[in-house]
Amino acid sequence: MVELGIPELTTEQFEEACTAAEKAARKLVLCRVAQKFVEKLDISVEAEGIKPVNFTVEVDLKLSKEVKDVDHQELTDEAVKKAFEAIENYLRKLKT
């Protein structure tokens, strides 16, 4: 991720960044696949360090066998990317 020059994050800000990332990833998946076809969707967002802060995002996704027109790996990768975008957007707002 890019160095944004933000101050040290509070515990609350860490939680808000992680929550924003989780929501963004979940929204992307559920916009592409109806919830009834999602058998498992676990999203883990963790933050480590103070300066720099390192975020880790993991998306564990299992779709119903009925879903044939969705590339599982591509959707998972896009969800992770969307989560990191949400973190970056949140951190940029703190800077302003």
PDB file of N, CA and C in Angstrom:
ATOM      1  N   MET A   1       0.842  -1.180   0.000  1.00  0.00           N
ATOM      2  CA  MET A   1       0.000   0.000   0.000  1.00  0.00           C
ATOM      3  C   MET A   1       0.884   1.239   0.000  1.00  0.00           C
ATOM      4  N   VAL A   2       0.371   2.334  -0.373  1.00  0.00           N
ATOM      5  CA  VAL A   2       1.093   3.588  -0.507  1.00  0.00           C
ATOM      6  C   VAL A   2       1.231   4.266   0.851  1.00  0.00           C
ATOM      7  N   GLU A   3       2.353   4.929   1.079  1.00  0.00           N
ATOM      8  CA  GLU A   3       2.544   5.723   2.291  1.00  0.00           C
ATOM      9  C   GLU A   3       1.655   6.948   2.202  1.00  0.00           C
ATOM     10  N   LEU A   4       0.737   7.081   3.169  1.00  0.00           N
ATOM     11  CA  LEU A   4      -0.231   8.180   3.120  1.00  0.00           C
ATOM     12  C   LEU A   4       0.109   9.319   4.068  1.00  0.00           C
ATOM     13  N   GLY A   5       1.099   9.126   4.937  1.00  0.00           N
ATOM     14  CA  GLY A   5       1.492  10.184   5.858  1.00  0.00           C
ATOM     15  C   GLY A   5       0.445  10.511   6.890  1.00  0.00           C
ATOM     16  N   ILE A   6      -0.241   9.497   7.405  1.00  0.00           N
ATOM     17  CA  ILE A   6      -1.273   9.722   8.411  1.00  0.00           C
ATOM     18  C   ILE A   6      -0.676   9.592   9.802  1.00  0.00           C
ATOM     19  N   PRO A   7      -1.333  10.182  10.800  1.00  0.00           N
ATOM     20  CA  PRO A   7      -0.846  10.037  12.166  1.00  0.00           C
ATOM     21  C   PRO A   7      -1.118   8.612  12.671  1.00  0.00           C
ATOM     22  N   GLU A   8      -0.578   8.296  13.857  1.00  0.00           N
ATOM     23  CA  GLU A   8      -0.848   6.987  14.448  1.00  0.00           C
ATOM     24  C   GLU A   8      -2.352   6.814  14.621  1.00  0.00           C
ATOM     25  N   LEU A   9      -2.816   5.603  14.342  1.00  0.00           N
ATOM     26  CA  LEU A   9      -4.239   5.314  14.444  1.00  0.00           C
ATOM     27  C   LEU A   9      -4.620   4.934  15.869  1.00  0.00           C
ATOM     28  N   THR A  10      -5.812   5.349  16.258  1.00  0.00           N
ATOM     29  CA  THR A  10      -6.357   4.921  17.543  1.00  0.00           C
ATOM     30  C   THR A  10      -6.947   3.527  17.362  1.00  0.00           C
ATOM     31  N   THR A  11      -7.259   2.880  18.457  1.00  0.00           N
ATOM     32  CA  THR A  11      -7.897   1.565  18.400  1.00  0.00           C
ATOM     33  C   THR A  11      -9.210   1.649  17.631  1.00  0.00           C
ATOM     34  N   GLU A  12      -9.950   2.700  17.881  1.00  0.00           N
ATOM     35  CA  GLU A  12     -11.229   2.898  17.190  1.00  0.00           C
ATOM     36  C   GLU A  12     -11.023   3.047  15.675  1.00  0.00           C
ATOM     37  N   GLN A  13     -10.008   3.771  15.273  1.00  0.00           N
ATOM     38  CA  GLN A  13      -9.729   3.953  13.844  1.00  0.00           C
ATOM     39  C   GLN A  13      -9.291   2.654  13.186  1.00  0.00           C
ATOM     40  N   PHE A  14      -8.505   1.837  13.918  1.00  0.00           N
ATOM     41  CA  PHE A  14      -8.150   0.513  13.398  1.00  0.00           C
ATOM     42  C   PHE A  14      -9.420  -0.287  13.136  1.00  0.00           C
ATOM     43  N   GLU A  15     -10.313  -0.290  14.111  1.00  0.00           N
ATOM     44  CA  GLU A  15     -11.558  -1.054  13.990  1.00  0.00           C
ATOM     45  C   GLU A  15     -12.415  -0.537  12.836  1.00  0.00           C
ATOM     46  N   GLU A  16     -12.497   0.773  12.705  1.00  0.00           N
ATOM     47  CA  GLU A  16     -13.300   1.352  11.623  1.00  0.00           C
ATOM     48  C   GLU A  16     -12.724   1.017  10.252  1.00  0.00           C
ATOM     49  N   ALA A  17     -11.419   1.042  10.117  1.00  0.00           N
ATOM     50  CA  ALA A  17     -10.781   0.691   8.842  1.00  0.00           C
ATOM     51  C   ALA A  17     -11.049  -0.770   8.499  1.00  0.00           C
ATOM     52  N   CYS A  18     -10.920  -1.641   9.486  1.00  0.00           N
ATOM     53  CA  CYS A  18     -11.167  -3.067   9.266  1.00  0.00           C
ATOM     54  C   CYS A  18     -12.631  -3.329   8.931  1.00  0.00           C
ATOM     55  N   THR A  19     -13.526  -2.644   9.614  1.00  0.00           N
ATOM     56  CA  THR A  19     -14.963  -2.803   9.345  1.00  0.00           C
ATOM     57  C   THR A  19     -15.304  -2.320   7.943  1.00  0.00           C
ATOM     58  N   ALA A  20     -14.743  -1.193   7.549  1.00  0.00           N
ATOM     59  CA  ALA A  20     -14.997  -0.670   6.200  1.00  0.00           C
ATOM     60  C   ALA A  20     -14.524  -1.660   5.142  1.00  0.00           C
ATOM     61  N   ALA A  21     -13.373  -2.265   5.375  1.00  0.00           N
ATOM     62  CA  ALA A  21     -12.835  -3.246   4.430  1.00  0.00           C
ATOM     63  C   ALA A  21     -13.729  -4.469   4.346  1.00  0.00           C
ATOM     64  N   GLU A  22     -14.167  -4.972   5.483  1.00  0.00           N
ATOM     65  CA  GLU A  22     -15.029  -6.156   5.517  1.00  0.00           C
ATOM     66  C   GLU A  22     -16.341  -5.883   4.788  1.00  0.00           C
ATOM     67  N   LYS A  23     -16.935  -4.735   5.054  1.00  0.00           N
ATOM     68  CA  LYS A  23     -18.205  -4.382   4.401  1.00  0.00           C
ATOM     69  C   LYS A  23     -18.044  -4.259   2.886  1.00  0.00           C
ATOM     70  N   ALA A  24     -16.952  -3.657   2.450  1.00  0.00           N
ATOM     71  CA  ALA A  24     -16.718  -3.474   1.018  1.00  0.00           C
ATOM     72  C   ALA A  24     -16.564  -4.818   0.309  1.00  0.00           C
ATOM     73  N   ALA A  25     -15.807  -5.731   0.920  1.00  0.00           N
ATOM     74  CA  ALA A  25     -15.609  -7.054   0.321  1.00  0.00           C
ATOM     75  C   ALA A  25     -16.922  -7.823   0.273  1.00  0.00           C
ATOM     76  N   ARG A  26     -17.676  -7.790   1.362  1.00  0.00           N
ATOM     77  CA  ARG A  26     -18.967  -8.496   1.428  1.00  0.00           C
ATOM     78  C   ARG A  26     -19.947  -7.929   0.395  1.00  0.00           C
ATOM     79  N   LYS A  27     -19.988  -6.612   0.284  1.00  0.00           N
ATOM     80  CA  LYS A  27     -20.901  -5.977  -0.665  1.00  0.00           C
ATOM     81  C   LYS A  27     -20.573  -6.396  -2.095  1.00  0.00           C
ATOM     82  N   LEU A  28     -19.299  -6.428  -2.430  1.00  0.00           N
ATOM     83  CA  LEU A  28     -18.909  -6.815  -3.784  1.00  0.00           C
ATOM     84  C   LEU A  28     -19.373  -8.235  -4.095  1.00  0.00           C
ATOM     85  N   VAL A  29     -19.110  -9.165  -3.181  1.00  0.00           N
ATOM     86  CA  VAL A  29     -19.504 -10.560  -3.414  1.00  0.00           C
ATOM     87  C   VAL A  29     -21.014 -10.674  -3.559  1.00  0.00           C
ATOM     88  N   LEU A  30     -21.753 -10.036  -2.667  1.00  0.00           N
ATOM     89  CA  LEU A  30     -23.208 -10.179  -2.681  1.00  0.00           C
ATOM     90  C   LEU A  30     -23.880  -9.387  -3.805  1.00  0.00           C
ATOM     91  N   CYS A  31     -23.143  -8.479  -4.421  1.00  0.00           N
ATOM     92  CA  CYS A  31     -23.661  -7.804  -5.616  1.00  0.00           C
ATOM     93  C   CYS A  31     -23.496  -8.683  -6.848  1.00  0.00           C
ATOM     94  N   ARG A  32     -22.530  -9.572  -6.818  1.00  0.00           N
ATOM     95  CA  ARG A  32     -22.253 -10.446  -7.961  1.00  0.00           C
ATOM     96  C   ARG A  32     -22.981 -11.782  -7.882  1.00  0.00           C
ATOM     97  N   VAL A  33     -23.219 -12.257  -6.651  1.00  0.00           N
ATOM     98  CA  VAL A  33     -23.837 -13.568  -6.451  1.00  0.00           C
ATOM     99  C   VAL A  33     -24.937 -13.423  -5.406  1.00  0.00           C
ATOM    100  N   ALA A  34     -26.125 -13.943  -5.717  1.00  0.00           N
ATOM    101  CA  ALA A  34     -27.222 -13.898  -4.751  1.00  0.00           C
ATOM    102  C   ALA A  34     -26.825 -14.634  -3.478  1.00  0.00           C
ATOM    103  N   GLN A  35     -27.244 -14.106  -2.344  1.00  0.00           N
ATOM    104  CA  GLN A  35     -26.835 -14.667  -1.061  1.00  0.00           C
ATOM    105  C   GLN A  35     -27.216 -16.138  -0.926  1.00  0.00           C
ATOM    106  N   LYS A  36     -28.310 -16.540  -1.539  1.00  0.00           N
ATOM    107  CA  LYS A  36     -28.738 -17.943  -1.421  1.00  0.00           C
ATOM    108  C   LYS A  36     -27.757 -18.907  -2.099  1.00  0.00           C
ATOM    109  N   PHE A  37     -26.875 -18.390  -2.969  1.00  0.00           N
ATOM    110  CA  PHE A  37     -25.883 -19.232  -3.634  1.00  0.00           C
ATOM    111  C   PHE A  37     -24.511 -19.173  -2.967  1.00  0.00           C
ATOM    112  N   VAL A  38     -24.421 -18.412  -1.890  1.00  0.00           N
ATOM    113  CA  VAL A  38     -23.163 -18.312  -1.145  1.00  0.00           C
ATOM    114  C   VAL A  38     -23.249 -19.271   0.033  1.00  0.00           C
ATOM    115  N   GLU A  39     -22.463 -20.327  -0.035  1.00  0.00           N
ATOM    116  CA  GLU A  39     -22.475 -21.317   1.041  1.00  0.00           C
ATOM    117  C   GLU A  39     -21.596 -20.879   2.206  1.00  0.00           C
ATOM    118  N   LYS A  40     -20.522 -20.173   1.892  1.00  0.00           N
ATOM    119  CA  LYS A  40     -19.609 -19.711   2.938  1.00  0.00           C
ATOM    120  C   LYS A  40     -18.964 -18.413   2.495  1.00  0.00           C
ATOM    121  N   LEU A  41     -18.975 -17.432   3.388  1.00  0.00           N
ATOM    122  CA  LEU A  41     -18.287 -16.173   3.125  1.00  0.00           C
ATOM    123  C   LEU A  41     -17.708 -15.676   4.440  1.00  0.00           C
ATOM    124  N   ASP A  42     -16.439 -15.932   4.635  1.00  0.00           N
ATOM    125  CA  ASP A  42     -15.719 -15.456   5.814  1.00  0.00           C
ATOM    126  C   ASP A  42     -14.693 -14.440   5.357  1.00  0.00           C
ATOM    127  N   ILE A  43     -14.753 -13.271   5.967  1.00  0.00           N
ATOM    128  CA  ILE A  43     -13.826 -12.200   5.616  1.00  0.00           C
ATOM    129  C   ILE A  43     -13.068 -11.807   6.882  1.00  0.00           C
ATOM    130  N   SER A  44     -11.763 -11.856   6.782  1.00  0.00           N
ATOM    131  CA  SER A  44     -10.905 -11.519   7.910  1.00  0.00           C
ATOM    132  C   SER A  44     -10.032 -10.324   7.524  1.00  0.00           C
ATOM    133  N   VAL A  45     -10.079  -9.296   8.363  1.00  0.00           N
ATOM    134  CA  VAL A  45      -9.242  -8.116   8.140  1.00  0.00           C
ATOM    135  C   VAL A  45      -8.477  -7.858   9.429  1.00  0.00           C
ATOM    136  N   GLU A  46      -7.168  -7.821   9.316  1.00  0.00           N
ATOM    137  CA  GLU A  46      -6.327  -7.592  10.482  1.00  0.00           C
ATOM    138  C   GLU A  46      -5.361  -6.446  10.217  1.00  0.00           C
ATOM    139  N   ALA A  47      -5.043  -5.733  11.291  1.00  0.00           N
ATOM    140  CA  ALA A  47      -4.082  -4.635  11.201  1.00  0.00           C
ATOM    141  C   ALA A  47      -2.962  -4.903  12.188  1.00  0.00           C
ATOM    142  N   GLU A  48      -1.719  -4.673  11.736  1.00  0.00           N
ATOM    143  CA  GLU A  48      -0.548  -4.860  12.584  1.00  0.00           C
ATOM    144  C   GLU A  48       0.353  -3.647  12.459  1.00  0.00           C
ATOM    145  N   GLY A  49       1.024  -3.341  13.543  1.00  0.00           N
ATOM    146  CA  GLY A  49       2.007  -2.269  13.517  1.00  0.00           C
ATOM    147  C   GLY A  49       1.391  -0.919  13.814  1.00  0.00           C
ATOM    148  N   ILE A  50       2.274   0.037  13.940  1.00  0.00           N
ATOM    149  CA  ILE A  50       1.833   1.409  14.208  1.00  0.00           C
ATOM    150  C   ILE A  50       2.244   2.297  13.050  1.00  0.00           C
ATOM    151  N   LYS A  51       3.522   2.354  12.767  1.00  0.00           N
ATOM    152  CA  LYS A  51       4.018   3.113  11.616  1.00  0.00           C
ATOM    153  C   LYS A  51       5.144   2.324  11.010  1.00  0.00           C
ATOM    154  N   PRO A  52       4.953   1.657   9.936  1.00  0.00           N
ATOM    155  CA  PRO A  52       3.724   1.630   9.136  1.00  0.00           C
ATOM    156  C   PRO A  52       2.732   0.600   9.677  1.00  0.00           C
ATOM    157  N   VAL A  53       1.495   0.816   9.311  1.00  0.00           N
ATOM    158  CA  VAL A  53       0.432  -0.133   9.627  1.00  0.00           C
ATOM    159  C   VAL A  53       0.322  -1.088   8.449  1.00  0.00           C
ATOM    160  N   ASN A  54       0.270  -2.364   8.731  1.00  0.00           N
ATOM    161  CA  ASN A  54       0.099  -3.371   7.685  1.00  0.00           C
ATOM    162  C   ASN A  54      -1.257  -4.033   7.852  1.00  0.00           C
ATOM    163  N   PHE A  55      -2.040  -4.007   6.804  1.00  0.00           N
ATOM    164  CA  PHE A  55      -3.348  -4.652   6.817  1.00  0.00           C
ATOM    165  C   PHE A  55      -3.266  -5.955   6.041  1.00  0.00           C
ATOM    166  N   THR A  56      -3.972  -6.952   6.541  1.00  0.00           N
ATOM    167  CA  THR A  56      -4.083  -8.245   5.889  1.00  0.00           C
ATOM    168  C   THR A  56      -5.563  -8.535   5.694  1.00  0.00           C
ATOM    169  N   VAL A  57      -5.927  -8.931   4.472  1.00  0.00           N
ATOM    170  CA  VAL A  57      -7.318  -9.256   4.157  1.00  0.00           C
ATOM    171  C   VAL A  57      -7.367 -10.664   3.589  1.00  0.00           C
ATOM    172  N   GLU A  58      -8.235 -11.478   4.154  1.00  0.00           N
ATOM    173  CA  GLU A  58      -8.456 -12.827   3.640  1.00  0.00           C
ATOM    174  C   GLU A  58      -9.948 -13.012   3.394  1.00  0.00           C
ATOM    175  N   VAL A  59     -10.270 -13.571   2.246  1.00  0.00           N
ATOM    176  CA  VAL A  59     -11.659 -13.864   1.907  1.00  0.00           C
ATOM    177  C   VAL A  59     -11.761 -15.359   1.632  1.00  0.00           C
ATOM    178  N   ASP A  60     -12.581 -16.030   2.427  1.00  0.00           N
ATOM    179  CA  ASP A  60     -12.834 -17.458   2.261  1.00  0.00           C
ATOM    180  C   ASP A  60     -14.253 -17.590   1.714  1.00  0.00           C
ATOM    181  N   LEU A  61     -14.329 -17.966   0.457  1.00  0.00           N
ATOM    182  CA  LEU A  61     -15.607 -17.986  -0.252  1.00  0.00           C
ATOM    183  C   LEU A  61     -15.877 -19.361  -0.833  1.00  0.00           C
ATOM    184  N   LYS A  62     -17.086 -19.847  -0.598  1.00  0.00           N
ATOM    185  CA  LYS A  62     -17.534 -21.088  -1.225  1.00  0.00           C
ATOM    186  C   LYS A  62     -18.909 -20.835  -1.806  1.00  0.00           C
ATOM    187  N   LEU A  63     -19.023 -21.088  -3.114  1.00  0.00           N
ATOM    188  CA  LEU A  63     -20.285 -20.869  -3.803  1.00  0.00           C
ATOM    189  C   LEU A  63     -20.983 -22.199  -4.048  1.00  0.00           C
ATOM    190  N   SER A  64     -22.290 -22.122  -4.175  1.00  0.00           N
ATOM    191  CA  SER A  64     -23.092 -23.294  -4.499  1.00  0.00           C
ATOM    192  C   SER A  64     -22.682 -23.840  -5.860  1.00  0.00           C
ATOM    193  N   LYS A  65     -22.827 -25.128  -6.030  1.00  0.00           N
ATOM    194  CA  LYS A  65     -22.488 -25.751  -7.313  1.00  0.00           C
ATOM    195  C   LYS A  65     -23.392 -25.255  -8.437  1.00  0.00           C
ATOM    196  N   GLU A  66     -24.514 -24.658  -8.084  1.00  0.00           N
ATOM    197  CA  GLU A  66     -25.445 -24.118  -9.080  1.00  0.00           C
ATOM    198  C   GLU A  66     -24.878 -22.891  -9.789  1.00  0.00           C
ATOM    199  N   VAL A  67     -23.908 -22.245  -9.174  1.00  0.00           N
ATOM    200  CA  VAL A  67     -23.295 -21.046  -9.750  1.00  0.00           C
ATOM    201  C   VAL A  67     -22.196 -21.494 -10.712  1.00  0.00           C
ATOM    202  N   LYS A  68     -22.439 -21.304 -11.983  1.00  0.00           N
ATOM    203  CA  LYS A  68     -21.487 -21.777 -12.993  1.00  0.00           C
ATOM    204  C   LYS A  68     -20.834 -20.634 -13.774  1.00  0.00           C
ATOM    205  N   ASP A  69     -21.450 -19.474 -13.780  1.00  0.00           N
ATOM    206  CA  ASP A  69     -20.954 -18.379 -14.605  1.00  0.00           C
ATOM    207  C   ASP A  69     -20.068 -17.387 -13.845  1.00  0.00           C
ATOM    208  N   VAL A  70     -19.620 -17.766 -12.647  1.00  0.00           N
ATOM    209  CA  VAL A  70     -18.772 -16.887 -11.844  1.00  0.00           C
ATOM    210  C   VAL A  70     -17.438 -17.569 -11.605  1.00  0.00           C
ATOM    211  N   ASP A  71     -16.366 -16.853 -11.905  1.00  0.00           N
ATOM    212  CA  ASP A  71     -15.024 -17.352 -11.628  1.00  0.00           C
ATOM    213  C   ASP A  71     -14.739 -17.123 -10.145  1.00  0.00           C
ATOM    214  N   HIS A  72     -14.734 -18.207  -9.393  1.00  0.00           N
ATOM    215  CA  HIS A  72     -14.576 -18.153  -7.943  1.00  0.00           C
ATOM    216  C   HIS A  72     -13.318 -17.391  -7.526  1.00  0.00           C
ATOM    217  N   GLN A  73     -12.180 -17.727  -8.124  1.00  0.00           N
ATOM    218  CA  GLN A  73     -10.917 -17.097  -7.737  1.00  0.00           C
ATOM    219  C   GLN A  73     -10.904 -15.612  -8.103  1.00  0.00           C
ATOM    220  N   GLU A  74     -11.432 -15.292  -9.261  1.00  0.00           N
ATOM    221  CA  GLU A  74     -11.483 -13.888  -9.677  1.00  0.00           C
ATOM    222  C   GLU A  74     -12.352 -13.075  -8.726  1.00  0.00           C
ATOM    223  N   LEU A  75     -13.488 -13.627  -8.316  1.00  0.00           N
ATOM    224  CA  LEU A  75     -14.374 -12.931  -7.392  1.00  0.00           C
ATOM    225  C   LEU A  75     -13.696 -12.741  -6.035  1.00  0.00           C
ATOM    226  N   THR A  76     -13.013 -13.749  -5.567  1.00  0.00           N
ATOM    227  CA  THR A  76     -12.292 -13.647  -4.300  1.00  0.00           C
ATOM    228  C   THR A  76     -11.207 -12.569  -4.379  1.00  0.00           C
ATOM    229  N   ASP A  77     -10.440 -12.572  -5.462  1.00  0.00           N
ATOM    230  CA  ASP A  77      -9.391 -11.565  -5.645  1.00  0.00           C
ATOM    231  C   ASP A  77      -9.964 -10.155  -5.715  1.00  0.00           C
ATOM    232  N   GLU A  78     -11.088 -10.001  -6.405  1.00  0.00           N
ATOM    233  CA  GLU A  78     -11.725  -8.685  -6.500  1.00  0.00           C
ATOM    234  C   GLU A  78     -12.224  -8.212  -5.138  1.00  0.00           C
ATOM    235  N   ALA A  79     -12.736  -9.143  -4.331  1.00  0.00           N
ATOM    236  CA  ALA A  79     -13.215  -8.779  -2.995  1.00  0.00           C
ATOM    237  C   ALA A  79     -12.058  -8.295  -2.126  1.00  0.00           C
ATOM    238  N   VAL A  80     -10.928  -8.962  -2.215  1.00  0.00           N
ATOM    239  CA  VAL A  80      -9.741  -8.536  -1.460  1.00  0.00           C
ATOM    240  C   VAL A  80      -9.298  -7.149  -1.930  1.00  0.00           C
ATOM    241  N   LYS A  81      -9.266  -6.952  -3.225  1.00  0.00           N
ATOM    242  CA  LYS A  81      -8.876  -5.651  -3.780  1.00  0.00           C
ATOM    243  C   LYS A  81      -9.824  -4.548  -3.312  1.00  0.00           C
ATOM    244  N   LYS A  82     -11.112  -4.836  -3.324  1.00  0.00           N
ATOM    245  CA  LYS A  82     -12.109  -3.853  -2.894  1.00  0.00           C
ATOM    246  C   LYS A  82     -11.927  -3.528  -1.406  1.00  0.00           C
ATOM    247  N   ALA A  83     -11.571  -4.516  -0.614  1.00  0.00           N
ATOM    248  CA  ALA A  83     -11.335  -4.286   0.808  1.00  0.00           C
ATOM    249  C   ALA A  83     -10.149  -3.338   1.010  1.00  0.00           C
ATOM    250  N   PHE A  84      -9.062  -3.569   0.265  1.00  0.00           N
ATOM    251  CA  PHE A  84      -7.905  -2.677   0.381  1.00  0.00           C
ATOM    252  C   PHE A  84      -8.231  -1.264  -0.108  1.00  0.00           C
ATOM    253  N   GLU A  85      -9.055  -1.144  -1.120  1.00  0.00           N
ATOM    254  CA  GLU A  85      -9.477   0.187  -1.580  1.00  0.00           C
ATOM    255  C   GLU A  85     -10.255   0.905  -0.479  1.00  0.00           C
ATOM    256  N   ALA A  86     -11.110   0.168   0.224  1.00  0.00           N
ATOM    257  CA  ALA A  86     -11.887   0.765   1.314  1.00  0.00           C
ATOM    258  C   ALA A  86     -10.971   1.231   2.445  1.00  0.00           C
ATOM    259  N   ILE A  87      -9.949   0.441   2.753  1.00  0.00           N
ATOM    260  CA  ILE A  87      -8.982   0.841   3.784  1.00  0.00           C
ATOM    261  C   ILE A  87      -8.258   2.107   3.358  1.00  0.00           C
ATOM    262  N   GLU A  88      -7.789   2.127   2.122  1.00  0.00           N
ATOM    263  CA  GLU A  88      -7.068   3.308   1.628  1.00  0.00           C
ATOM    264  C   GLU A  88      -7.959   4.550   1.650  1.00  0.00           C
ATOM    265  N   ASN A  89      -9.208   4.406   1.226  1.00  0.00           N
ATOM    266  CA  ASN A  89     -10.141   5.546   1.250  1.00  0.00           C
ATOM    267  C   ASN A  89     -10.371   6.036   2.668  1.00  0.00           C
ATOM    268  N   TYR A  90     -10.527   5.115   3.602  1.00  0.00           N
ATOM    269  CA  TYR A  90     -10.729   5.496   4.996  1.00  0.00           C
ATOM    270  C   TYR A  90      -9.515   6.266   5.517  1.00  0.00           C
ATOM    271  N   LEU A  91      -8.324   5.749   5.241  1.00  0.00           N
ATOM    272  CA  LEU A  91      -7.110   6.397   5.722  1.00  0.00           C
ATOM    273  C   LEU A  91      -6.900   7.759   5.080  1.00  0.00           C
ATOM    274  N   ARG A  92      -7.244   7.892   3.814  1.00  0.00           N
ATOM    275  CA  ARG A  92      -7.114   9.193   3.138  1.00  0.00           C
ATOM    276  C   ARG A  92      -8.039  10.238   3.788  1.00  0.00           C
ATOM    277  N   LYS A  93      -9.223   9.808   4.202  1.00  0.00           N
ATOM    278  CA  LYS A  93     -10.157  10.737   4.863  1.00  0.00           C
ATOM    279  C   LYS A  93      -9.587  11.230   6.199  1.00  0.00           C
ATOM    280  N   LEU A  94      -8.824  10.380   6.880  1.00  0.00           N
ATOM    281  CA  LEU A  94      -8.211  10.786   8.149  1.00  0.00           C
ATOM    282  C   LEU A  94      -7.167  11.858   7.942  1.00  0.00           C
ATOM    283  N   LYS A  95      -6.521  11.814   6.815  1.00  0.00           N
ATOM    284  CA  LYS A  95      -5.437  12.763   6.508  1.00  0.00           C
ATOM    285  C   LYS A  95      -5.969  14.170   6.271  1.00  0.00           C
ATOM    286  N   THR A  96      -7.191  14.280   5.764  1.00  0.00           N
ATOM    287  CA  THR A  96      -7.743  15.595   5.434  1.00  0.00           C
ATOM    288  C   THR A  96      -8.350  16.305   6.625  1.00  0.00           C
TER     289      THR A  96
END
